[in-house]
Amino acid sequence: MTSLRMTAKGRRTAAALGAVSAGLLVLAACDKPTPIATVTVGSDSVNTEASCYKDGDTISEAETKKCLAKDAEKSITVDMDDKVRFGVDPEIADSGWTLFINGQQAEQEPYKKSYRTIPGNAFFSAGQGPDGSQGATLKNAQVSIVETDGSKLKGIWHFKLKKGE
């Protein structure tokens, strides 16, 4: 009878060890999630992980160009008179971040706070025409949050802003 108990106990122990080992393998195969960036308009919010991120290391120039060309997977509707709120995880704010609109850098100096607000109408103008006339109004804008210390790019998050009525 004792040998039967040892066998049952041995099976339970082996099953438990197998379950723990399988769990560790699954965890080892998972990528560490990237920091999150969020866009909020009114009571609507979307957030996303980075399109490109190397756990705080610098992204090469070639990778940056390729990543900035990617389309945003997350979108939110913005009316011209809305306030668009951008939020980033504190670790992004610690490094600094800037906005790119339709692939063009919108500001020079990195922003060092976790939140900022920008008027909705800032995202939908195609700029001034060569004759001084106001450019066309865009229907959509891709806004990229780029983690940067001013010289090195460390992460890129994309959002599509859709112009409302």
N, C-alpha and C. Protein backbone atom coordinates (compact mmCIF):
# COMPACT_ATOMS: atom_id res chain seq x y z
N MET A 1 0.81 -1.18 0.00
CA MET A 1 0.00 0.00 0.00
C MET A 1 0.86 1.25 0.00
N THR A 2 1.95 1.24 0.69
CA THR A 2 2.83 2.39 0.75
C THR A 2 3.39 2.71 -0.63
N SER A 3 3.78 1.73 -1.39
CA SER A 3 4.33 1.99 -2.72
C SER A 3 3.28 2.61 -3.65
N LEU A 4 2.01 2.30 -3.42
CA LEU A 4 0.94 2.89 -4.22
C LEU A 4 0.79 4.38 -3.90
N ARG A 5 0.88 4.75 -2.64
CA ARG A 5 0.81 6.16 -2.25
C ARG A 5 1.99 6.94 -2.81
N MET A 6 3.15 6.39 -2.75
CA MET A 6 4.33 7.07 -3.27
C MET A 6 4.17 7.31 -4.76
N THR A 7 3.60 6.37 -5.45
CA THR A 7 3.40 6.51 -6.88
C THR A 7 2.40 7.63 -7.15
N ALA A 8 1.31 7.68 -6.39
CA ALA A 8 0.32 8.73 -6.58
C ALA A 8 0.94 10.09 -6.22
N LYS A 9 1.68 10.13 -5.10
CA LYS A 9 2.33 11.37 -4.70
C LYS A 9 3.37 11.78 -5.73
N GLY A 10 4.09 10.85 -6.25
CA GLY A 10 5.10 11.13 -7.27
C GLY A 10 4.46 11.70 -8.54
N ARG A 11 3.29 11.14 -8.90
CA ARG A 11 2.60 11.66 -10.10
C ARG A 11 2.13 13.09 -9.88
N ARG A 12 1.59 13.36 -8.71
CA ARG A 12 1.13 14.73 -8.41
C ARG A 12 2.31 15.71 -8.44
N THR A 13 3.42 15.29 -7.85
CA THR A 13 4.62 16.14 -7.83
C THR A 13 5.11 16.40 -9.25
N ALA A 14 5.15 15.35 -10.05
CA ALA A 14 5.61 15.49 -11.44
C ALA A 14 4.66 16.38 -12.23
N ALA A 15 3.35 16.24 -12.01
CA ALA A 15 2.37 17.08 -12.70
C ALA A 15 2.54 18.55 -12.29
N ALA A 16 2.76 18.79 -11.02
CA ALA A 16 2.94 20.17 -10.53
C ALA A 16 4.21 20.78 -11.12
N LEU A 17 5.29 20.01 -11.11
CA LEU A 17 6.54 20.51 -11.69
C LEU A 17 6.38 20.77 -13.18
N GLY A 18 5.66 19.89 -13.86
CA GLY A 18 5.41 20.08 -15.29
C GLY A 18 4.61 21.35 -15.55
N ALA A 19 3.61 21.62 -14.73
CA ALA A 19 2.79 22.82 -14.91
C ALA A 19 3.62 24.08 -14.67
N VAL A 20 4.45 24.08 -13.65
CA VAL A 20 5.31 25.23 -13.37
C VAL A 20 6.30 25.45 -14.52
N SER A 21 6.89 24.36 -15.00
CA SER A 21 7.84 24.47 -16.12
C SER A 21 7.17 25.02 -17.36
N ALA A 22 5.99 24.55 -17.67
CA ALA A 22 5.25 25.03 -18.84
C ALA A 22 4.92 26.51 -18.68
N GLY A 23 4.52 26.91 -17.49
CA GLY A 23 4.21 28.33 -17.23
C GLY A 23 5.43 29.21 -17.43
N LEU A 24 6.58 28.76 -16.96
CA LEU A 24 7.82 29.53 -17.13
C LEU A 24 8.20 29.63 -18.61
N LEU A 25 8.01 28.58 -19.37
CA LEU A 25 8.29 28.62 -20.80
C LEU A 25 7.38 29.62 -21.51
N VAL A 26 6.12 29.64 -21.15
CA VAL A 26 5.18 30.58 -21.76
C VAL A 26 5.59 32.01 -21.43
N LEU A 27 5.93 32.28 -20.18
CA LEU A 27 6.35 33.63 -19.78
C LEU A 27 7.64 34.04 -20.49
N ALA A 28 8.56 33.12 -20.65
CA ALA A 28 9.83 33.43 -21.32
C ALA A 28 9.61 33.76 -22.79
N ALA A 29 8.60 33.18 -23.41
CA ALA A 29 8.32 33.41 -24.83
C ALA A 29 7.61 34.74 -25.06
N CYS A 30 7.03 35.34 -24.03
CA CYS A 30 6.28 36.59 -24.19
C CYS A 30 7.24 37.77 -24.28
N ASP A 31 6.89 38.74 -25.13
CA ASP A 31 7.63 39.99 -25.18
C ASP A 31 7.18 40.87 -24.03
N LYS A 32 8.12 41.63 -23.51
CA LYS A 32 7.78 42.60 -22.48
C LYS A 32 6.92 43.68 -23.13
N PRO A 33 5.80 44.02 -22.53
CA PRO A 33 4.96 45.05 -23.13
C PRO A 33 5.68 46.40 -23.14
N THR A 34 5.40 47.20 -24.17
CA THR A 34 6.01 48.52 -24.26
C THR A 34 5.20 49.50 -23.43
N PRO A 35 5.77 50.66 -23.14
CA PRO A 35 4.97 51.69 -22.47
C PRO A 35 3.77 52.07 -23.35
N ILE A 36 2.76 52.64 -22.74
CA ILE A 36 1.51 52.98 -23.43
C ILE A 36 1.43 54.48 -23.68
N ALA A 37 0.88 54.84 -24.83
CA ALA A 37 0.55 56.23 -25.13
C ALA A 37 -0.96 56.29 -25.36
N THR A 38 -1.58 57.40 -24.98
CA THR A 38 -3.03 57.55 -25.04
C THR A 38 -3.41 58.88 -25.67
N VAL A 39 -4.49 58.86 -26.46
CA VAL A 39 -5.10 60.09 -26.98
C VAL A 39 -6.53 60.13 -26.49
N THR A 40 -6.93 61.27 -25.94
CA THR A 40 -8.29 61.45 -25.43
C THR A 40 -8.91 62.68 -26.08
N VAL A 41 -10.15 62.51 -26.55
CA VAL A 41 -10.94 63.61 -27.08
C VAL A 41 -12.30 63.53 -26.40
N GLY A 42 -12.62 64.54 -25.61
CA GLY A 42 -13.87 64.49 -24.84
C GLY A 42 -13.83 63.30 -23.90
N SER A 43 -14.84 62.42 -24.02
CA SER A 43 -14.88 61.24 -23.16
C SER A 43 -14.38 59.98 -23.89
N ASP A 44 -13.90 60.13 -25.12
CA ASP A 44 -13.37 59.00 -25.89
C ASP A 44 -11.85 58.94 -25.77
N SER A 45 -11.32 57.74 -25.59
CA SER A 45 -9.87 57.55 -25.50
C SER A 45 -9.45 56.33 -26.30
N VAL A 46 -8.26 56.38 -26.85
CA VAL A 46 -7.63 55.21 -27.45
C VAL A 46 -6.20 55.17 -26.93
N ASN A 47 -5.68 53.97 -26.73
CA ASN A 47 -4.29 53.84 -26.33
C ASN A 47 -3.65 52.72 -27.12
N THR A 48 -2.34 52.74 -27.18
CA THR A 48 -1.63 51.74 -27.94
C THR A 48 -0.23 51.53 -27.37
N GLU A 49 0.31 50.37 -27.67
CA GLU A 49 1.72 50.12 -27.40
C GLU A 49 2.51 50.68 -28.58
N ALA A 50 3.81 50.70 -28.46
CA ALA A 50 4.67 51.28 -29.49
C ALA A 50 4.66 50.45 -30.77
N SER A 51 4.76 51.15 -31.90
CA SER A 51 4.95 50.48 -33.19
C SER A 51 6.40 50.03 -33.31
N CYS A 52 7.30 50.83 -32.75
CA CYS A 52 8.72 50.51 -32.72
C CYS A 52 9.25 50.85 -31.34
N TYR A 53 9.96 49.93 -30.74
CA TYR A 53 10.49 50.16 -29.41
C TYR A 53 11.55 49.12 -29.12
N LYS A 54 12.66 49.54 -28.53
CA LYS A 54 13.75 48.63 -28.18
C LYS A 54 14.08 48.73 -26.70
N ASP A 55 13.04 48.76 -25.87
CA ASP A 55 13.20 48.77 -24.42
C ASP A 55 14.13 49.89 -23.95
N GLY A 56 13.93 51.09 -24.54
CA GLY A 56 14.70 52.25 -24.12
C GLY A 56 15.98 52.48 -24.90
N ASP A 57 16.37 51.54 -25.76
CA ASP A 57 17.56 51.73 -26.58
C ASP A 57 17.21 52.56 -27.82
N THR A 58 18.23 53.09 -28.47
CA THR A 58 18.06 53.94 -29.64
C THR A 58 17.61 53.12 -30.85
N ILE A 59 16.66 53.69 -31.60
CA ILE A 59 16.21 53.09 -32.85
C ILE A 59 17.06 53.69 -33.96
N SER A 60 17.55 52.86 -34.88
CA SER A 60 18.40 53.36 -35.96
C SER A 60 17.61 54.28 -36.89
N GLU A 61 18.32 55.08 -37.67
CA GLU A 61 17.68 56.01 -38.60
C GLU A 61 16.84 55.26 -39.63
N ALA A 62 17.35 54.15 -40.14
CA ALA A 62 16.61 53.35 -41.12
C ALA A 62 15.32 52.79 -40.50
N GLU A 63 15.42 52.28 -39.27
CA GLU A 63 14.23 51.76 -38.58
C GLU A 63 13.23 52.88 -38.30
N THR A 64 13.73 54.07 -37.96
CA THR A 64 12.86 55.21 -37.69
C THR A 64 12.05 55.58 -38.92
N LYS A 65 12.71 55.69 -40.06
CA LYS A 65 12.01 56.03 -41.32
C LYS A 65 10.94 54.99 -41.64
N LYS A 66 11.31 53.74 -41.50
CA LYS A 66 10.37 52.65 -41.79
C LYS A 66 9.19 52.69 -40.82
N CYS A 67 9.47 52.94 -39.56
CA CYS A 67 8.41 52.95 -38.55
C CYS A 67 7.50 54.16 -38.71
N LEU A 68 8.05 55.33 -39.02
CA LEU A 68 7.22 56.52 -39.20
C LEU A 68 6.28 56.36 -40.40
N ALA A 69 6.64 55.49 -41.34
CA ALA A 69 5.82 55.26 -42.53
C ALA A 69 4.65 54.29 -42.26
N LYS A 70 4.68 53.61 -41.12
CA LYS A 70 3.60 52.67 -40.78
C LYS A 70 2.30 53.43 -40.54
N ASP A 71 1.18 52.79 -40.90
CA ASP A 71 -0.13 53.39 -40.63
C ASP A 71 -0.55 53.10 -39.20
N ALA A 72 -1.26 54.05 -38.63
CA ALA A 72 -1.78 53.90 -37.27
C ALA A 72 -2.87 52.82 -37.26
N GLU A 73 -2.88 52.03 -36.20
CA GLU A 73 -3.93 51.02 -36.02
C GLU A 73 -5.08 51.55 -35.20
N LYS A 74 -4.83 52.58 -34.40
CA LYS A 74 -5.87 53.15 -33.53
C LYS A 74 -6.28 54.52 -34.07
N SER A 75 -7.60 54.80 -34.01
CA SER A 75 -8.07 56.09 -34.49
C SER A 75 -9.11 56.67 -33.53
N ILE A 76 -9.29 57.99 -33.65
CA ILE A 76 -10.26 58.70 -32.83
C ILE A 76 -10.75 59.89 -33.64
N THR A 77 -12.02 60.24 -33.49
CA THR A 77 -12.62 61.36 -34.22
C THR A 77 -12.41 62.65 -33.44
N VAL A 78 -12.03 63.71 -34.18
CA VAL A 78 -11.72 65.00 -33.58
C VAL A 78 -12.47 66.08 -34.34
N ASP A 79 -13.29 66.87 -33.65
CA ASP A 79 -13.89 68.05 -34.25
C ASP A 79 -12.89 69.19 -34.17
N MET A 80 -13.04 70.16 -35.05
CA MET A 80 -12.08 71.27 -35.11
C MET A 80 -11.99 72.03 -33.78
N ASP A 81 -13.07 72.11 -33.03
CA ASP A 81 -13.04 72.86 -31.77
C ASP A 81 -12.78 71.98 -30.54
N ASP A 82 -12.48 70.70 -30.75
CA ASP A 82 -12.15 69.80 -29.65
C ASP A 82 -10.75 70.08 -29.11
N LYS A 83 -10.53 69.64 -27.89
CA LYS A 83 -9.19 69.62 -27.32
C LYS A 83 -8.70 68.18 -27.38
N VAL A 84 -7.51 67.98 -27.90
CA VAL A 84 -6.92 66.66 -28.02
C VAL A 84 -5.87 66.54 -26.91
N ARG A 85 -6.06 65.52 -26.07
CA ARG A 85 -5.16 65.32 -24.93
C ARG A 85 -4.27 64.10 -25.21
N PHE A 86 -2.99 64.31 -25.07
CA PHE A 86 -2.01 63.24 -25.26
C PHE A 86 -1.45 62.87 -23.89
N GLY A 87 -1.33 61.58 -23.64
CA GLY A 87 -0.76 61.11 -22.39
C GLY A 87 0.24 60.01 -22.67
N VAL A 88 1.34 60.00 -21.93
CA VAL A 88 2.36 58.97 -22.09
C VAL A 88 2.74 58.43 -20.72
N ASP A 89 3.24 57.22 -20.70
CA ASP A 89 3.74 56.63 -19.45
C ASP A 89 4.89 57.50 -18.91
N PRO A 90 5.05 57.54 -17.60
CA PRO A 90 6.10 58.38 -17.01
C PRO A 90 7.50 58.10 -17.56
N GLU A 91 7.80 56.85 -17.89
CA GLU A 91 9.15 56.57 -18.41
C GLU A 91 9.39 57.24 -19.76
N ILE A 92 8.33 57.43 -20.57
CA ILE A 92 8.47 58.17 -21.83
C ILE A 92 8.71 59.64 -21.51
N ALA A 93 7.93 60.18 -20.59
CA ALA A 93 8.08 61.59 -20.21
C ALA A 93 9.47 61.86 -19.64
N ASP A 94 10.02 60.93 -18.89
CA ASP A 94 11.36 61.11 -18.32
C ASP A 94 12.41 61.31 -19.42
N SER A 95 12.28 60.54 -20.52
CA SER A 95 13.21 60.69 -21.65
C SER A 95 12.92 61.96 -22.43
N GLY A 96 11.63 62.25 -22.60
CA GLY A 96 11.18 63.35 -23.44
C GLY A 96 10.45 62.79 -24.65
N TRP A 97 9.51 63.58 -25.17
CA TRP A 97 8.75 63.12 -26.34
C TRP A 97 8.31 64.31 -27.17
N THR A 98 8.07 64.04 -28.42
CA THR A 98 7.64 65.07 -29.35
C THR A 98 6.58 64.48 -30.27
N LEU A 99 5.87 65.35 -30.96
CA LEU A 99 4.84 64.91 -31.90
C LEU A 99 5.32 65.06 -33.33
N PHE A 100 4.95 64.07 -34.14
CA PHE A 100 5.12 64.15 -35.58
C PHE A 100 3.71 64.13 -36.15
N ILE A 101 3.42 65.03 -37.09
CA ILE A 101 2.11 65.06 -37.74
C ILE A 101 2.33 64.73 -39.21
N ASN A 102 1.68 63.66 -39.65
CA ASN A 102 1.82 63.16 -41.03
C ASN A 102 3.30 63.00 -41.40
N GLY A 103 4.08 62.45 -40.48
CA GLY A 103 5.48 62.13 -40.73
C GLY A 103 6.45 63.28 -40.56
N GLN A 104 5.96 64.49 -40.26
CA GLN A 104 6.82 65.65 -40.10
C GLN A 104 6.91 66.05 -38.63
N GLN A 105 8.11 66.31 -38.17
CA GLN A 105 8.29 66.71 -36.78
C GLN A 105 7.61 68.04 -36.55
N ALA A 106 6.74 68.11 -35.54
CA ALA A 106 5.94 69.30 -35.29
C ALA A 106 6.60 70.27 -34.30
N GLU A 107 7.59 69.81 -33.56
CA GLU A 107 8.24 70.66 -32.58
C GLU A 107 9.68 70.20 -32.40
N GLN A 108 10.51 71.11 -31.95
CA GLN A 108 11.94 70.81 -31.84
C GLN A 108 12.33 70.26 -30.47
N GLU A 109 11.85 70.88 -29.43
CA GLU A 109 12.26 70.51 -28.08
C GLU A 109 11.39 69.38 -27.52
N PRO A 110 12.00 68.36 -26.94
CA PRO A 110 11.21 67.28 -26.31
C PRO A 110 10.40 67.81 -25.13
N TYR A 111 9.20 67.30 -25.01
CA TYR A 111 8.29 67.63 -23.92
C TYR A 111 8.57 66.66 -22.79
N LYS A 112 8.59 67.11 -21.53
CA LYS A 112 9.01 66.26 -20.41
C LYS A 112 7.90 65.98 -19.40
N LYS A 113 6.64 66.27 -19.75
CA LYS A 113 5.53 65.97 -18.86
C LYS A 113 4.73 64.81 -19.43
N SER A 114 3.89 64.20 -18.59
CA SER A 114 3.12 63.02 -19.02
C SER A 114 1.89 63.38 -19.85
N TYR A 115 1.38 64.61 -19.72
CA TYR A 115 0.15 64.98 -20.42
C TYR A 115 0.32 66.34 -21.09
N ARG A 116 -0.39 66.50 -22.22
CA ARG A 116 -0.48 67.81 -22.86
C ARG A 116 -1.75 67.89 -23.67
N THR A 117 -2.22 69.11 -23.91
CA THR A 117 -3.46 69.35 -24.64
C THR A 117 -3.17 70.26 -25.82
N ILE A 118 -3.72 69.90 -26.99
CA ILE A 118 -3.53 70.68 -28.22
C ILE A 118 -4.90 70.85 -28.88
N PRO A 119 -5.21 72.03 -29.41
CA PRO A 119 -6.50 72.23 -30.09
C PRO A 119 -6.64 71.31 -31.31
N GLY A 120 -7.84 70.80 -31.52
CA GLY A 120 -8.10 69.88 -32.64
C GLY A 120 -7.80 70.47 -34.00
N ASN A 121 -8.02 71.78 -34.18
CA ASN A 121 -7.80 72.38 -35.49
C ASN A 121 -6.33 72.42 -35.90
N ALA A 122 -5.41 72.15 -34.99
CA ALA A 122 -3.98 72.15 -35.30
C ALA A 122 -3.57 70.97 -36.18
N PHE A 123 -4.42 69.97 -36.30
CA PHE A 123 -4.02 68.74 -37.00
C PHE A 123 -4.55 68.61 -38.42
N PHE A 124 -5.41 69.51 -38.87
CA PHE A 124 -6.10 69.28 -40.14
C PHE A 124 -5.82 70.31 -41.22
N SER A 125 -4.82 71.14 -41.07
CA SER A 125 -4.46 72.11 -42.09
C SER A 125 -3.26 71.60 -42.86
N ALA A 126 -3.33 71.71 -44.20
CA ALA A 126 -2.21 71.26 -45.04
C ALA A 126 -1.15 72.35 -45.15
N GLY A 127 -1.33 73.44 -44.44
CA GLY A 127 -0.33 74.51 -44.45
C GLY A 127 -0.71 75.62 -45.39
N GLN A 128 0.20 76.55 -45.56
CA GLN A 128 -0.06 77.70 -46.40
C GLN A 128 0.42 77.43 -47.82
N GLY A 129 -0.37 77.87 -48.80
CA GLY A 129 -0.02 77.69 -50.21
C GLY A 129 1.10 78.63 -50.61
N PRO A 130 1.73 78.41 -51.80
CA PRO A 130 2.84 79.25 -52.24
C PRO A 130 2.44 80.71 -52.47
N ASP A 131 1.14 80.96 -52.73
CA ASP A 131 0.67 82.33 -52.96
C ASP A 131 0.19 82.99 -51.66
N GLY A 132 0.42 82.35 -50.52
CA GLY A 132 0.01 82.91 -49.25
C GLY A 132 -1.38 82.50 -48.82
N SER A 133 -2.09 81.75 -49.68
CA SER A 133 -3.44 81.31 -49.34
C SER A 133 -3.37 80.16 -48.34
N GLN A 134 -4.45 79.97 -47.60
CA GLN A 134 -4.52 78.87 -46.64
C GLN A 134 -4.61 77.56 -47.41
N GLY A 135 -3.88 76.56 -46.98
CA GLY A 135 -3.89 75.26 -47.64
C GLY A 135 -5.19 74.52 -47.42
N ALA A 136 -5.31 73.38 -48.05
CA ALA A 136 -6.51 72.56 -47.95
C ALA A 136 -6.69 72.04 -46.53
N THR A 137 -7.93 71.74 -46.20
CA THR A 137 -8.21 71.13 -44.92
C THR A 137 -8.18 69.61 -45.10
N LEU A 138 -7.40 68.94 -44.28
CA LEU A 138 -7.26 67.49 -44.36
C LEU A 138 -8.42 66.80 -43.66
N LYS A 139 -8.75 65.58 -44.12
CA LYS A 139 -9.81 64.79 -43.47
C LYS A 139 -9.27 63.92 -42.36
N ASN A 140 -7.99 63.56 -42.44
CA ASN A 140 -7.35 62.71 -41.45
C ASN A 140 -5.94 63.21 -41.20
N ALA A 141 -5.42 62.89 -40.04
CA ALA A 141 -4.04 63.20 -39.72
C ALA A 141 -3.45 62.03 -38.94
N GLN A 142 -2.25 61.64 -39.32
CA GLN A 142 -1.56 60.63 -38.51
C GLN A 142 -0.64 61.37 -37.56
N VAL A 143 -0.84 61.13 -36.28
CA VAL A 143 -0.01 61.76 -35.26
C VAL A 143 0.83 60.66 -34.62
N SER A 144 2.12 60.90 -34.57
CA SER A 144 3.03 59.95 -33.95
C SER A 144 3.67 60.59 -32.74
N ILE A 145 3.62 59.89 -31.64
CA ILE A 145 4.33 60.30 -30.43
C ILE A 145 5.69 59.62 -30.51
N VAL A 146 6.74 60.42 -30.44
CA VAL A 146 8.10 59.89 -30.58
C VAL A 146 8.88 60.17 -29.30
N GLU A 147 9.31 59.09 -28.65
CA GLU A 147 10.16 59.25 -27.46
C GLU A 147 11.56 59.62 -27.92
N THR A 148 12.05 60.76 -27.44
CA THR A 148 13.36 61.23 -27.84
C THR A 148 13.97 62.11 -26.75
N ASP A 149 15.26 62.07 -26.66
CA ASP A 149 15.96 62.97 -25.74
C ASP A 149 16.45 64.22 -26.48
N GLY A 150 16.06 64.36 -27.74
CA GLY A 150 16.48 65.48 -28.57
C GLY A 150 17.43 65.06 -29.67
N SER A 151 18.13 63.94 -29.46
CA SER A 151 19.05 63.46 -30.49
C SER A 151 18.80 62.00 -30.86
N LYS A 152 18.38 61.19 -29.91
CA LYS A 152 18.16 59.76 -30.16
C LYS A 152 16.67 59.45 -30.06
N LEU A 153 16.15 58.67 -31.01
CA LEU A 153 14.76 58.23 -30.98
C LEU A 153 14.71 56.86 -30.32
N LYS A 154 13.75 56.70 -29.38
CA LYS A 154 13.69 55.47 -28.60
C LYS A 154 12.39 54.70 -28.77
N GLY A 155 11.33 55.35 -29.27
CA GLY A 155 10.05 54.66 -29.43
C GLY A 155 9.10 55.51 -30.25
N ILE A 156 8.16 54.83 -30.95
CA ILE A 156 7.19 55.54 -31.78
C ILE A 156 5.82 54.90 -31.59
N TRP A 157 4.82 55.75 -31.31
CA TRP A 157 3.43 55.35 -31.13
C TRP A 157 2.58 56.12 -32.14
N HIS A 158 1.69 55.43 -32.86
CA HIS A 158 0.89 56.08 -33.92
C HIS A 158 -0.60 56.14 -33.56
N PHE A 159 -1.23 57.26 -33.97
CA PHE A 159 -2.68 57.43 -33.84
C PHE A 159 -3.18 58.12 -35.11
N LYS A 160 -4.37 57.74 -35.53
CA LYS A 160 -5.02 58.42 -36.65
C LYS A 160 -6.12 59.30 -36.07
N LEU A 161 -6.06 60.60 -36.38
CA LEU A 161 -7.11 61.51 -35.98
C LEU A 161 -8.01 61.73 -37.19
N LYS A 162 -9.28 61.39 -37.04
CA LYS A 162 -10.26 61.55 -38.12
C LYS A 162 -11.06 62.82 -37.87
N LYS A 163 -11.09 63.70 -38.88
CA LYS A 163 -11.80 64.96 -38.73
C LYS A 163 -13.30 64.71 -38.63
N GLY A 164 -13.89 65.25 -37.57
CA GLY A 164 -15.33 65.14 -37.37
C GLY A 164 -16.06 66.19 -38.19
N GLU A 165 -17.33 66.30 -37.95
CA GLU A 165 -18.17 67.26 -38.70
C GLU A 165 -17.91 68.67 -38.34
